[in-house]
Amino acid sequence: MAKLYFYYSAMNAGKTTMLLQSAHNYHERGMRTLILTPRLDDRYGVGVVQSRIGLKSNALAFNNSDDLLALVHANVQELGPISCLLVDEAQFLKKVQVWQLTDIVDKLDVPVLAYGLRTDFRGELFEGSQYLLAWCDSMVELKTICHTGRKATMVVRVDDAGHALTEGAQVEIGGNERYVSVSRAEFKRIFHDAGRIEPQQVSFVFD
């Protein structure tokens, strides 16, 4: 029976690497997969999924207004059945799109593996992550480490000088130059138990 899986973590936990490895495992067995990626994340080009260690694959780019069930159905009609759907940067999904992923599982009997961040740089759930956590059949935490040595569960946004930011738009595309994964304790130190700290008071520029 097909299921909806949500693999979540902070930054730098290897989400995209795992996605690409999962796709490779299917391909080795002669099974076709389809990878979806948000069009807004164009760091490596539109429709390209690439990990930080250099693995990459072509993907079908989608907008937040797209019907994912319709996209998958059209792809299957054109190219044939798929054995698995993989979704990169799943935190950027809209609520209705997560529901469409459940339809892909329940109506098409295709397993869906979604990979994404759980919370943003303010410690708040992304819309896609919120509903993936609510509606998935299975959730798996992928682990990475804070600079303090503790498990990193949160993400901090930094400016060009490496200072932590506590305000701004929820979505700003970036990699290691813009985001740092930290433990909850370190995140709370920065936000001082939900009290705002001026960005210049906290720095992640290490010697």
N, C-alpha and C. Protein backbone atom coordinates (compact mmCIF):
# COMPACT_ATOMS: atom_id res chain seq x y z
N MET A 1 0.85 -1.20 0.00
CA MET A 1 0.00 0.00 0.00
C MET A 1 0.88 1.24 0.00
N ALA A 2 0.60 2.17 -0.90
CA ALA A 2 1.37 3.40 -1.00
C ALA A 2 1.16 4.28 0.22
N LYS A 3 2.19 5.08 0.56
CA LYS A 3 2.12 5.98 1.72
C LYS A 3 2.75 7.33 1.37
N LEU A 4 2.39 8.33 2.16
CA LEU A 4 3.01 9.65 2.08
C LEU A 4 4.03 9.75 3.21
N TYR A 5 5.29 9.93 2.83
CA TYR A 5 6.37 10.05 3.80
C TYR A 5 6.87 11.49 3.83
N PHE A 6 7.17 11.99 5.04
CA PHE A 6 7.76 13.32 5.18
C PHE A 6 9.08 13.19 5.91
N TYR A 7 10.16 13.51 5.20
CA TYR A 7 11.50 13.52 5.77
C TYR A 7 11.86 14.99 6.05
N TYR A 8 12.03 15.33 7.32
CA TYR A 8 12.25 16.73 7.67
C TYR A 8 13.53 16.88 8.50
N SER A 9 14.06 18.10 8.48
CA SER A 9 15.26 18.37 9.26
C SER A 9 15.55 19.86 9.21
N ALA A 10 16.65 20.25 9.85
CA ALA A 10 17.21 21.58 9.67
C ALA A 10 18.06 21.56 8.40
N MET A 11 18.75 22.66 8.10
CA MET A 11 19.61 22.70 6.91
C MET A 11 20.79 21.75 7.09
N ASN A 12 21.34 21.31 5.96
CA ASN A 12 22.59 20.53 5.92
C ASN A 12 22.48 19.15 6.56
N ALA A 13 21.31 18.55 6.49
CA ALA A 13 21.14 17.20 7.02
C ALA A 13 21.14 16.15 5.91
N GLY A 14 21.30 16.59 4.67
CA GLY A 14 21.38 15.64 3.57
C GLY A 14 20.05 15.26 2.97
N LYS A 15 19.05 16.14 3.07
CA LYS A 15 17.72 15.81 2.54
C LYS A 15 17.75 15.53 1.04
N THR A 16 18.38 16.43 0.28
CA THR A 16 18.40 16.26 -1.17
C THR A 16 19.26 15.07 -1.57
N THR A 17 20.34 14.84 -0.86
CA THR A 17 21.17 13.66 -1.12
C THR A 17 20.36 12.39 -0.94
N MET A 18 19.57 12.33 0.12
CA MET A 18 18.74 11.16 0.37
C MET A 18 17.67 11.02 -0.71
N LEU A 19 17.07 12.14 -1.12
CA LEU A 19 16.07 12.09 -2.19
C LEU A 19 16.68 11.48 -3.45
N LEU A 20 17.85 11.97 -3.84
CA LEU A 20 18.48 11.49 -5.06
C LEU A 20 18.91 10.03 -4.92
N GLN A 21 19.33 9.62 -3.74
CA GLN A 21 19.69 8.22 -3.52
C GLN A 21 18.45 7.33 -3.63
N SER A 22 17.33 7.82 -3.09
CA SER A 22 16.09 7.05 -3.19
C SER A 22 15.66 6.88 -4.64
N ALA A 23 15.77 7.95 -5.42
CA ALA A 23 15.44 7.86 -6.84
C ALA A 23 16.35 6.86 -7.55
N HIS A 24 17.64 6.91 -7.21
CA HIS A 24 18.61 5.99 -7.80
C HIS A 24 18.27 4.54 -7.48
N ASN A 25 17.85 4.29 -6.25
CA ASN A 25 17.49 2.93 -5.86
C ASN A 25 16.35 2.38 -6.72
N TYR A 26 15.35 3.23 -7.00
CA TYR A 26 14.25 2.81 -7.88
C TYR A 26 14.76 2.54 -9.29
N HIS A 27 15.61 3.44 -9.79
CA HIS A 27 16.10 3.31 -11.16
C HIS A 27 16.91 2.03 -11.34
N GLU A 28 17.69 1.67 -10.33
CA GLU A 28 18.48 0.45 -10.41
C GLU A 28 17.61 -0.79 -10.59
N ARG A 29 16.38 -0.69 -10.14
CA ARG A 29 15.45 -1.82 -10.25
C ARG A 29 14.52 -1.68 -11.46
N GLY A 30 14.88 -0.74 -12.35
CA GLY A 30 14.11 -0.57 -13.57
C GLY A 30 12.80 0.16 -13.40
N MET A 31 12.66 0.90 -12.30
CA MET A 31 11.42 1.61 -12.02
C MET A 31 11.58 3.10 -12.30
N ARG A 32 10.56 3.70 -12.89
CA ARG A 32 10.61 5.13 -13.19
C ARG A 32 10.10 5.94 -12.01
N THR A 33 10.78 7.05 -11.74
CA THR A 33 10.34 7.98 -10.70
C THR A 33 10.12 9.36 -11.31
N LEU A 34 9.46 10.21 -10.56
CA LEU A 34 9.28 11.61 -10.94
C LEU A 34 9.67 12.46 -9.75
N ILE A 35 10.54 13.45 -10.00
CA ILE A 35 10.97 14.39 -8.96
C ILE A 35 10.32 15.74 -9.23
N LEU A 36 9.70 16.29 -8.20
CA LEU A 36 9.13 17.63 -8.26
C LEU A 36 9.97 18.58 -7.43
N THR A 37 10.14 19.81 -7.92
CA THR A 37 10.88 20.83 -7.17
C THR A 37 10.22 22.18 -7.38
N PRO A 38 10.17 23.04 -6.35
CA PRO A 38 9.54 24.36 -6.51
C PRO A 38 10.29 25.23 -7.52
N ARG A 39 9.56 25.87 -8.39
CA ARG A 39 10.18 26.73 -9.39
C ARG A 39 10.93 27.90 -8.75
N LEU A 40 10.49 28.34 -7.57
CA LEU A 40 11.12 29.50 -6.94
C LEU A 40 12.54 29.21 -6.47
N ASP A 41 12.88 27.92 -6.25
CA ASP A 41 14.24 27.57 -5.85
C ASP A 41 15.05 27.27 -7.10
N ASP A 42 15.66 28.33 -7.65
CA ASP A 42 16.39 28.19 -8.91
C ASP A 42 17.89 28.35 -8.74
N ARG A 43 18.39 28.01 -7.56
CA ARG A 43 19.83 28.17 -7.28
C ARG A 43 20.69 27.40 -8.28
N TYR A 44 20.23 26.24 -8.72
CA TYR A 44 21.01 25.41 -9.65
C TYR A 44 20.36 25.37 -11.03
N GLY A 45 19.38 26.24 -11.25
CA GLY A 45 18.63 26.25 -12.49
C GLY A 45 17.22 25.74 -12.26
N VAL A 46 16.26 26.24 -13.02
CA VAL A 46 14.87 25.82 -12.87
C VAL A 46 14.75 24.34 -13.28
N GLY A 47 14.13 23.56 -12.42
CA GLY A 47 13.94 22.16 -12.73
C GLY A 47 15.17 21.30 -12.51
N VAL A 48 16.08 21.76 -11.67
CA VAL A 48 17.28 21.00 -11.33
C VAL A 48 17.34 20.83 -9.81
N VAL A 49 17.50 19.60 -9.37
CA VAL A 49 17.68 19.29 -7.95
C VAL A 49 19.14 18.90 -7.76
N GLN A 50 19.82 19.60 -6.86
CA GLN A 50 21.24 19.32 -6.64
C GLN A 50 21.56 19.36 -5.16
N SER A 51 22.33 18.38 -4.71
CA SER A 51 22.74 18.33 -3.31
C SER A 51 24.04 19.10 -3.13
N ARG A 52 24.38 19.36 -1.88
CA ARG A 52 25.61 20.11 -1.60
C ARG A 52 26.87 19.31 -1.90
N ILE A 53 26.75 17.99 -2.06
CA ILE A 53 27.92 17.19 -2.39
C ILE A 53 28.04 16.95 -3.89
N GLY A 54 27.17 17.60 -4.67
CA GLY A 54 27.32 17.59 -6.11
C GLY A 54 26.41 16.66 -6.88
N LEU A 55 25.65 15.80 -6.21
CA LEU A 55 24.69 14.95 -6.92
C LEU A 55 23.56 15.82 -7.46
N LYS A 56 23.07 15.50 -8.64
CA LYS A 56 21.98 16.30 -9.19
C LYS A 56 21.15 15.50 -10.16
N SER A 57 19.95 16.00 -10.42
CA SER A 57 19.02 15.35 -11.33
C SER A 57 18.06 16.38 -11.89
N ASN A 58 17.55 16.13 -13.07
CA ASN A 58 16.48 16.96 -13.61
C ASN A 58 15.19 16.66 -12.86
N ALA A 59 14.33 17.65 -12.77
CA ALA A 59 13.06 17.52 -12.05
C ALA A 59 12.00 18.33 -12.77
N LEU A 60 10.77 18.08 -12.41
CA LEU A 60 9.65 18.86 -12.94
C LEU A 60 9.38 20.01 -11.97
N ALA A 61 9.58 21.24 -12.43
CA ALA A 61 9.37 22.42 -11.59
C ALA A 61 7.89 22.76 -11.51
N PHE A 62 7.46 23.18 -10.32
CA PHE A 62 6.06 23.55 -10.14
C PHE A 62 5.95 24.89 -9.44
N ASN A 63 4.83 25.58 -9.69
CA ASN A 63 4.50 26.82 -9.00
C ASN A 63 3.53 26.51 -7.86
N ASN A 64 3.36 27.47 -6.94
CA ASN A 64 2.47 27.20 -5.80
C ASN A 64 1.00 27.23 -6.18
N SER A 65 0.71 27.54 -7.44
CA SER A 65 -0.67 27.49 -7.92
C SER A 65 -0.96 26.22 -8.73
N ASP A 66 0.05 25.39 -8.95
CA ASP A 66 -0.13 24.20 -9.77
C ASP A 66 -0.87 23.10 -9.02
N ASP A 67 -1.65 22.33 -9.76
CA ASP A 67 -2.32 21.14 -9.23
C ASP A 67 -1.36 19.97 -9.41
N LEU A 68 -0.81 19.47 -8.32
CA LEU A 68 0.21 18.44 -8.41
C LEU A 68 -0.36 17.11 -8.88
N LEU A 69 -1.59 16.82 -8.51
CA LEU A 69 -2.24 15.60 -9.00
C LEU A 69 -2.36 15.66 -10.52
N ALA A 70 -2.75 16.80 -11.05
CA ALA A 70 -2.89 16.96 -12.49
C ALA A 70 -1.53 16.88 -13.18
N LEU A 71 -0.49 17.47 -12.57
CA LEU A 71 0.85 17.40 -13.15
C LEU A 71 1.34 15.97 -13.25
N VAL A 72 1.15 15.23 -12.17
CA VAL A 72 1.60 13.84 -12.15
C VAL A 72 0.79 13.01 -13.15
N HIS A 73 -0.51 13.22 -13.17
CA HIS A 73 -1.36 12.46 -14.10
C HIS A 73 -0.95 12.74 -15.54
N ALA A 74 -0.66 14.00 -15.88
CA ALA A 74 -0.24 14.34 -17.24
C ALA A 74 1.10 13.70 -17.57
N ASN A 75 2.01 13.68 -16.61
CA ASN A 75 3.32 13.07 -16.83
C ASN A 75 3.19 11.57 -17.08
N VAL A 76 2.32 10.92 -16.32
CA VAL A 76 2.10 9.49 -16.48
C VAL A 76 1.46 9.19 -17.84
N GLN A 77 0.53 10.04 -18.25
CA GLN A 77 -0.13 9.86 -19.54
C GLN A 77 0.89 9.96 -20.69
N GLU A 78 1.86 10.86 -20.53
CA GLU A 78 2.84 11.09 -21.60
C GLU A 78 3.97 10.07 -21.58
N LEU A 79 4.49 9.74 -20.39
CA LEU A 79 5.72 8.96 -20.31
C LEU A 79 5.55 7.58 -19.68
N GLY A 80 4.39 7.29 -19.14
CA GLY A 80 4.17 5.99 -18.55
C GLY A 80 4.14 6.03 -17.04
N PRO A 81 3.79 4.92 -16.41
CA PRO A 81 3.62 4.86 -14.95
C PRO A 81 4.90 5.21 -14.19
N ILE A 82 4.70 5.73 -12.99
CA ILE A 82 5.83 5.96 -12.10
C ILE A 82 5.67 5.06 -10.87
N SER A 83 6.81 4.69 -10.32
CA SER A 83 6.81 3.85 -9.12
C SER A 83 6.91 4.66 -7.84
N CYS A 84 7.35 5.94 -7.96
CA CYS A 84 7.48 6.80 -6.78
C CYS A 84 7.54 8.25 -7.21
N LEU A 85 6.93 9.12 -6.41
CA LEU A 85 7.03 10.56 -6.58
C LEU A 85 7.88 11.11 -5.45
N LEU A 86 8.89 11.93 -5.79
CA LEU A 86 9.75 12.54 -4.80
C LEU A 86 9.63 14.05 -4.89
N VAL A 87 9.51 14.72 -3.76
CA VAL A 87 9.30 16.17 -3.73
C VAL A 87 10.41 16.83 -2.93
N ASP A 88 11.18 17.69 -3.58
CA ASP A 88 12.26 18.43 -2.92
C ASP A 88 11.73 19.76 -2.38
N GLU A 89 12.35 20.26 -1.31
CA GLU A 89 11.96 21.55 -0.70
C GLU A 89 10.45 21.60 -0.46
N ALA A 90 9.95 20.55 0.17
CA ALA A 90 8.50 20.39 0.35
C ALA A 90 7.89 21.41 1.30
N GLN A 91 8.73 22.13 2.06
CA GLN A 91 8.18 23.15 2.95
C GLN A 91 7.47 24.26 2.17
N PHE A 92 7.80 24.41 0.88
CA PHE A 92 7.21 25.48 0.08
C PHE A 92 5.86 25.10 -0.53
N LEU A 93 5.39 23.89 -0.28
CA LEU A 93 4.07 23.49 -0.77
C LEU A 93 2.97 24.31 -0.11
N LYS A 94 1.88 24.49 -0.82
CA LYS A 94 0.69 25.09 -0.24
C LYS A 94 -0.16 23.98 0.38
N LYS A 95 -1.07 24.37 1.24
CA LYS A 95 -1.94 23.40 1.91
C LYS A 95 -2.65 22.50 0.90
N VAL A 96 -3.23 23.10 -0.13
CA VAL A 96 -3.97 22.33 -1.12
C VAL A 96 -3.06 21.36 -1.86
N GLN A 97 -1.79 21.73 -2.04
CA GLN A 97 -0.86 20.84 -2.74
C GLN A 97 -0.48 19.64 -1.89
N VAL A 98 -0.41 19.81 -0.58
CA VAL A 98 -0.19 18.65 0.29
C VAL A 98 -1.38 17.71 0.19
N TRP A 99 -2.58 18.27 0.14
CA TRP A 99 -3.78 17.44 -0.04
C TRP A 99 -3.71 16.69 -1.36
N GLN A 100 -3.21 17.35 -2.41
CA GLN A 100 -3.06 16.69 -3.70
C GLN A 100 -2.04 15.55 -3.63
N LEU A 101 -1.01 15.69 -2.80
CA LEU A 101 -0.06 14.58 -2.61
C LEU A 101 -0.77 13.39 -1.98
N THR A 102 -1.67 13.66 -1.05
CA THR A 102 -2.41 12.53 -0.46
C THR A 102 -3.30 11.87 -1.50
N ASP A 103 -3.82 12.65 -2.46
CA ASP A 103 -4.61 12.07 -3.54
C ASP A 103 -3.75 11.19 -4.44
N ILE A 104 -2.51 11.62 -4.68
CA ILE A 104 -1.60 10.81 -5.50
C ILE A 104 -1.36 9.46 -4.83
N VAL A 105 -1.23 9.47 -3.51
CA VAL A 105 -1.07 8.23 -2.76
C VAL A 105 -2.35 7.41 -2.79
N ASP A 106 -3.46 8.04 -2.45
CA ASP A 106 -4.71 7.31 -2.23
C ASP A 106 -5.43 6.91 -3.52
N LYS A 107 -5.34 7.76 -4.56
CA LYS A 107 -6.07 7.50 -5.80
C LYS A 107 -5.21 6.80 -6.85
N LEU A 108 -3.92 7.18 -6.91
CA LEU A 108 -3.04 6.58 -7.92
C LEU A 108 -2.21 5.44 -7.35
N ASP A 109 -2.24 5.28 -6.04
CA ASP A 109 -1.47 4.24 -5.36
C ASP A 109 0.03 4.36 -5.64
N VAL A 110 0.50 5.60 -5.63
CA VAL A 110 1.92 5.90 -5.85
C VAL A 110 2.51 6.44 -4.54
N PRO A 111 3.57 5.84 -4.03
CA PRO A 111 4.20 6.39 -2.82
C PRO A 111 4.81 7.76 -3.09
N VAL A 112 4.69 8.63 -2.11
CA VAL A 112 5.24 9.99 -2.22
C VAL A 112 6.24 10.21 -1.09
N LEU A 113 7.45 10.61 -1.46
CA LEU A 113 8.51 10.91 -0.50
C LEU A 113 8.78 12.41 -0.57
N ALA A 114 8.40 13.15 0.48
CA ALA A 114 8.57 14.61 0.52
C ALA A 114 9.69 14.96 1.50
N TYR A 115 10.57 15.84 1.07
CA TYR A 115 11.73 16.24 1.88
C TYR A 115 11.71 17.75 2.07
N GLY A 116 11.87 18.20 3.33
CA GLY A 116 11.87 19.64 3.54
C GLY A 116 12.21 20.05 4.95
N LEU A 117 12.29 21.34 5.14
CA LEU A 117 12.48 21.92 6.47
C LEU A 117 11.17 21.86 7.24
N ARG A 118 11.28 21.78 8.55
CA ARG A 118 10.08 21.81 9.37
C ARG A 118 9.71 23.25 9.71
N THR A 119 10.67 24.06 10.15
CA THR A 119 10.39 25.42 10.60
C THR A 119 11.27 26.43 9.86
N ASP A 120 10.82 27.68 9.89
CA ASP A 120 11.58 28.75 9.25
C ASP A 120 12.55 29.38 10.25
N PHE A 121 13.19 30.49 9.85
CA PHE A 121 14.22 31.10 10.68
C PHE A 121 13.64 31.78 11.92
N ARG A 122 12.31 31.88 12.00
CA ARG A 122 11.67 32.43 13.20
C ARG A 122 11.15 31.33 14.11
N GLY A 123 11.39 30.07 13.72
CA GLY A 123 10.92 28.95 14.52
C GLY A 123 9.46 28.61 14.28
N GLU A 124 8.88 29.10 13.18
CA GLU A 124 7.48 28.86 12.86
C GLU A 124 7.37 27.86 11.72
N LEU A 125 6.32 27.05 11.73
CA LEU A 125 6.12 26.06 10.70
C LEU A 125 5.89 26.70 9.33
N PHE A 126 6.51 26.12 8.31
CA PHE A 126 6.12 26.44 6.95
C PHE A 126 4.75 25.84 6.68
N GLU A 127 4.01 26.42 5.75
CA GLU A 127 2.69 25.89 5.44
C GLU A 127 2.75 24.44 4.96
N GLY A 128 3.66 24.18 4.04
CA GLY A 128 3.78 22.82 3.53
C GLY A 128 4.14 21.83 4.62
N SER A 129 5.08 22.19 5.46
CA SER A 129 5.51 21.30 6.54
C SER A 129 4.39 21.07 7.55
N GLN A 130 3.63 22.11 7.83
CA GLN A 130 2.52 21.98 8.78
C GLN A 130 1.55 20.89 8.36
N TYR A 131 1.19 20.90 7.07
CA TYR A 131 0.18 19.94 6.63
C TYR A 131 0.79 18.58 6.28
N LEU A 132 2.06 18.55 5.94
CA LEU A 132 2.72 17.26 5.81
C LEU A 132 2.79 16.55 7.15
N LEU A 133 3.12 17.29 8.20
CA LEU A 133 3.15 16.70 9.54
C LEU A 133 1.76 16.21 9.94
N ALA A 134 0.74 16.95 9.53
CA ALA A 134 -0.63 16.59 9.91
C ALA A 134 -1.16 15.38 9.14
N TRP A 135 -0.79 15.27 7.85
CA TRP A 135 -1.46 14.32 6.99
C TRP A 135 -0.58 13.18 6.49
N CYS A 136 0.70 13.20 6.77
CA CYS A 136 1.56 12.12 6.25
C CYS A 136 1.28 10.81 6.98
N ASP A 137 1.64 9.71 6.33
CA ASP A 137 1.53 8.39 6.94
C ASP A 137 2.74 8.08 7.82
N SER A 138 3.87 8.67 7.45
CA SER A 138 5.11 8.39 8.19
C SER A 138 6.00 9.61 8.14
N MET A 139 6.58 10.00 9.28
CA MET A 139 7.51 11.12 9.31
C MET A 139 8.84 10.64 9.87
N VAL A 140 9.91 11.15 9.27
CA VAL A 140 11.26 10.74 9.65
C VAL A 140 12.11 11.99 9.83
N GLU A 141 12.75 12.13 10.99
CA GLU A 141 13.65 13.26 11.22
C GLU A 141 15.05 12.89 10.76
N LEU A 142 15.62 13.74 9.90
CA LEU A 142 17.01 13.59 9.48
C LEU A 142 17.85 14.52 10.34
N LYS A 143 18.92 14.04 10.88
CA LYS A 143 19.64 14.77 11.92
C LYS A 143 20.91 15.43 11.39
N THR A 144 21.19 16.59 11.96
CA THR A 144 22.46 17.28 11.73
C THR A 144 22.88 17.94 13.04
N ILE A 145 24.06 18.57 13.06
CA ILE A 145 24.67 19.02 14.30
C ILE A 145 24.83 20.53 14.32
N CYS A 146 24.53 21.13 15.46
CA CYS A 146 24.78 22.55 15.75
C CYS A 146 26.27 22.75 16.02
N HIS A 147 26.74 23.98 15.86
CA HIS A 147 28.15 24.27 16.17
C HIS A 147 28.48 24.06 17.64
N THR A 148 27.46 23.96 18.50
CA THR A 148 27.68 23.69 19.92
C THR A 148 27.89 22.21 20.20
N GLY A 149 27.66 21.36 19.18
CA GLY A 149 27.77 19.93 19.36
C GLY A 149 26.44 19.25 19.63
N ARG A 150 25.39 20.02 19.91
CA ARG A 150 24.06 19.45 20.11
C ARG A 150 23.39 19.18 18.78
N LYS A 151 22.31 18.39 18.83
CA LYS A 151 21.54 18.16 17.61
C LYS A 151 20.90 19.47 17.15
N ALA A 152 21.03 19.77 15.87
CA ALA A 152 20.44 20.97 15.32
C ALA A 152 19.01 20.68 14.87
N THR A 153 18.08 21.47 15.35
CA THR A 153 16.67 21.30 14.98
C THR A 153 16.07 22.58 14.41
N MET A 154 16.79 23.69 14.48
CA MET A 154 16.26 24.98 14.07
C MET A 154 17.19 25.60 13.02
N VAL A 155 16.67 26.62 12.34
CA VAL A 155 17.44 27.31 11.32
C VAL A 155 17.47 28.80 11.64
N VAL A 156 18.65 29.40 11.52
CA VAL A 156 18.82 30.84 11.72
C VAL A 156 19.25 31.46 10.40
N ARG A 157 18.63 32.58 10.05
CA ARG A 157 19.04 33.34 8.86
C ARG A 157 20.09 34.36 9.25
N VAL A 158 21.11 34.50 8.44
CA VAL A 158 22.17 35.47 8.73
C VAL A 158 22.31 36.45 7.58
N ASP A 159 22.84 37.64 7.90
CA ASP A 159 23.07 38.64 6.86
C ASP A 159 24.45 38.42 6.23
N ASP A 160 24.86 39.35 5.37
CA ASP A 160 26.12 39.19 4.64
C ASP A 160 27.32 39.21 5.57
N ALA A 161 27.17 39.79 6.76
CA ALA A 161 28.27 39.83 7.71
C ALA A 161 28.24 38.66 8.69
N GLY A 162 27.24 37.78 8.56
CA GLY A 162 27.15 36.63 9.45
C GLY A 162 26.37 36.87 10.70
N HIS A 163 25.65 37.99 10.81
CA HIS A 163 24.86 38.30 11.98
C HIS A 163 23.45 37.71 11.85
N ALA A 164 22.95 37.18 12.94
CA ALA A 164 21.63 36.54 12.92
C ALA A 164 20.52 37.57 12.72
N LEU A 165 19.53 37.21 11.90
CA LEU A 165 18.38 38.07 11.64
C LEU A 165 17.15 37.47 12.30
N THR A 166 16.31 38.31 12.86
CA THR A 166 15.10 37.84 13.53
C THR A 166 13.82 38.36 12.89
N GLU A 167 13.94 39.15 11.82
CA GLU A 167 12.79 39.67 11.11
C GLU A 167 13.00 39.51 9.62
N GLY A 168 11.89 39.49 8.88
CA GLY A 168 11.98 39.43 7.43
C GLY A 168 10.95 38.48 6.85
N ALA A 169 10.92 38.40 5.52
CA ALA A 169 9.99 37.52 4.83
C ALA A 169 10.30 36.07 5.18
N GLN A 170 9.26 35.25 5.22
CA GLN A 170 9.49 33.85 5.58
C GLN A 170 10.36 33.14 4.55
N VAL A 171 10.12 33.42 3.28
CA VAL A 171 10.84 32.72 2.22
C VAL A 171 11.92 33.62 1.63
N GLU A 172 13.16 33.18 1.74
CA GLU A 172 14.29 33.81 1.08
C GLU A 172 15.24 32.68 0.71
N ILE A 173 15.38 32.44 -0.59
CA ILE A 173 16.17 31.31 -1.05
C ILE A 173 17.65 31.55 -0.76
N GLY A 174 18.30 30.53 -0.22
CA GLY A 174 19.73 30.64 0.06
C GLY A 174 20.28 29.35 0.60
N GLY A 175 21.59 29.29 0.70
CA GLY A 175 22.27 28.11 1.20
C GLY A 175 23.08 28.43 2.44
N ASN A 176 24.32 27.92 2.49
CA ASN A 176 25.16 28.11 3.67
C ASN A 176 25.53 29.56 3.91
N GLU A 177 25.47 30.37 2.85
CA GLU A 177 25.81 31.78 3.01
C GLU A 177 24.69 32.55 3.70
N ARG A 178 23.50 31.96 3.81
CA ARG A 178 22.35 32.67 4.35
C ARG A 178 21.72 31.98 5.56
N TYR A 179 21.97 30.69 5.75
CA TYR A 179 21.31 29.96 6.84
C TYR A 179 22.30 29.10 7.61
N VAL A 180 22.05 29.01 8.92
CA VAL A 180 22.86 28.19 9.82
C VAL A 180 21.91 27.32 10.64
N SER A 181 22.23 26.04 10.76
CA SER A 181 21.43 25.13 11.59
C SER A 181 21.96 25.15 13.01
N VAL A 182 21.03 25.29 13.97
CA VAL A 182 21.42 25.38 15.38
C VAL A 182 20.49 24.53 16.24
N SER A 183 20.92 24.28 17.46
CA SER A 183 20.08 23.58 18.43
C SER A 183 18.96 24.50 18.92
N ARG A 184 17.96 23.91 19.55
CA ARG A 184 16.89 24.73 20.11
C ARG A 184 17.42 25.68 21.18
N ALA A 185 18.36 25.20 22.00
CA ALA A 185 18.92 26.05 23.06
C ALA A 185 19.63 27.26 22.47
N GLU A 186 20.38 27.05 21.38
CA GLU A 186 21.08 28.17 20.74
C GLU A 186 20.08 29.11 20.08
N PHE A 187 19.04 28.55 19.48
CA PHE A 187 18.00 29.37 18.88
C PHE A 187 17.33 30.24 19.94
N LYS A 188 17.03 29.66 21.09
CA LYS A 188 16.41 30.42 22.18
C LYS A 188 17.34 31.50 22.70
N ARG A 189 18.64 31.23 22.72
CA ARG A 189 19.59 32.26 23.13
C ARG A 189 19.51 33.45 22.19
N ILE A 190 19.40 33.17 20.90
CA ILE A 190 19.34 34.24 19.92
C ILE A 190 18.05 35.04 20.07
N PHE A 191 16.95 34.35 20.22
CA PHE A 191 15.66 35.02 20.34
C PHE A 191 15.31 35.37 21.79
N HIS A 192 16.14 34.97 22.73
CA HIS A 192 15.98 35.30 24.14
C HIS A 192 14.58 34.98 24.62
N ASP A 193 14.21 33.69 24.45
CA ASP A 193 12.89 33.22 24.87
C ASP A 193 11.76 34.07 24.29
N ALA A 194 11.84 34.27 22.98
CA ALA A 194 10.83 34.97 22.17
C ALA A 194 10.98 36.48 22.22
N GLY A 195 11.91 37.02 23.01
CA GLY A 195 12.19 38.45 22.96
C GLY A 195 13.14 38.74 21.82
N ARG A 196 12.90 39.78 21.06
CA ARG A 196 13.71 40.08 19.90
C ARG A 196 15.08 40.61 20.33
N ILE A 197 16.12 40.13 19.65
CA ILE A 197 17.48 40.60 19.88
C ILE A 197 17.94 41.28 18.61
N GLU A 198 18.60 42.41 18.75
CA GLU A 198 19.08 43.12 17.57
C GLU A 198 20.09 42.24 16.84
N PRO A 199 20.04 42.20 15.51
CA PRO A 199 20.92 41.32 14.76
C PRO A 199 22.40 41.49 15.10
N GLN A 200 22.84 42.74 15.37
CA GLN A 200 24.25 42.97 15.61
C GLN A 200 24.70 42.36 16.94
N GLN A 201 23.79 41.91 17.79
CA GLN A 201 24.16 41.34 19.07
C GLN A 201 24.54 39.88 18.96
N VAL A 202 24.23 39.25 17.84
CA VAL A 202 24.49 37.83 17.68
C VAL A 202 25.22 37.60 16.38
N SER A 203 26.31 36.90 16.40
CA SER A 203 27.08 36.65 15.20
C SER A 203 27.43 35.18 15.07
N PHE A 204 27.40 34.70 13.82
CA PHE A 204 27.81 33.32 13.54
C PHE A 204 29.05 33.32 12.68
N VAL A 205 29.87 34.36 12.80
CA VAL A 205 31.15 34.39 12.10
C VAL A 205 32.18 33.78 13.02
N PHE A 206 32.68 32.59 12.65
CA PHE A 206 33.60 31.86 13.52
C PHE A 206 35.03 31.97 13.00
N ASP A 207 35.97 32.01 13.91
CA ASP A 207 37.39 32.02 13.55
C ASP A 207 37.85 30.62 13.18
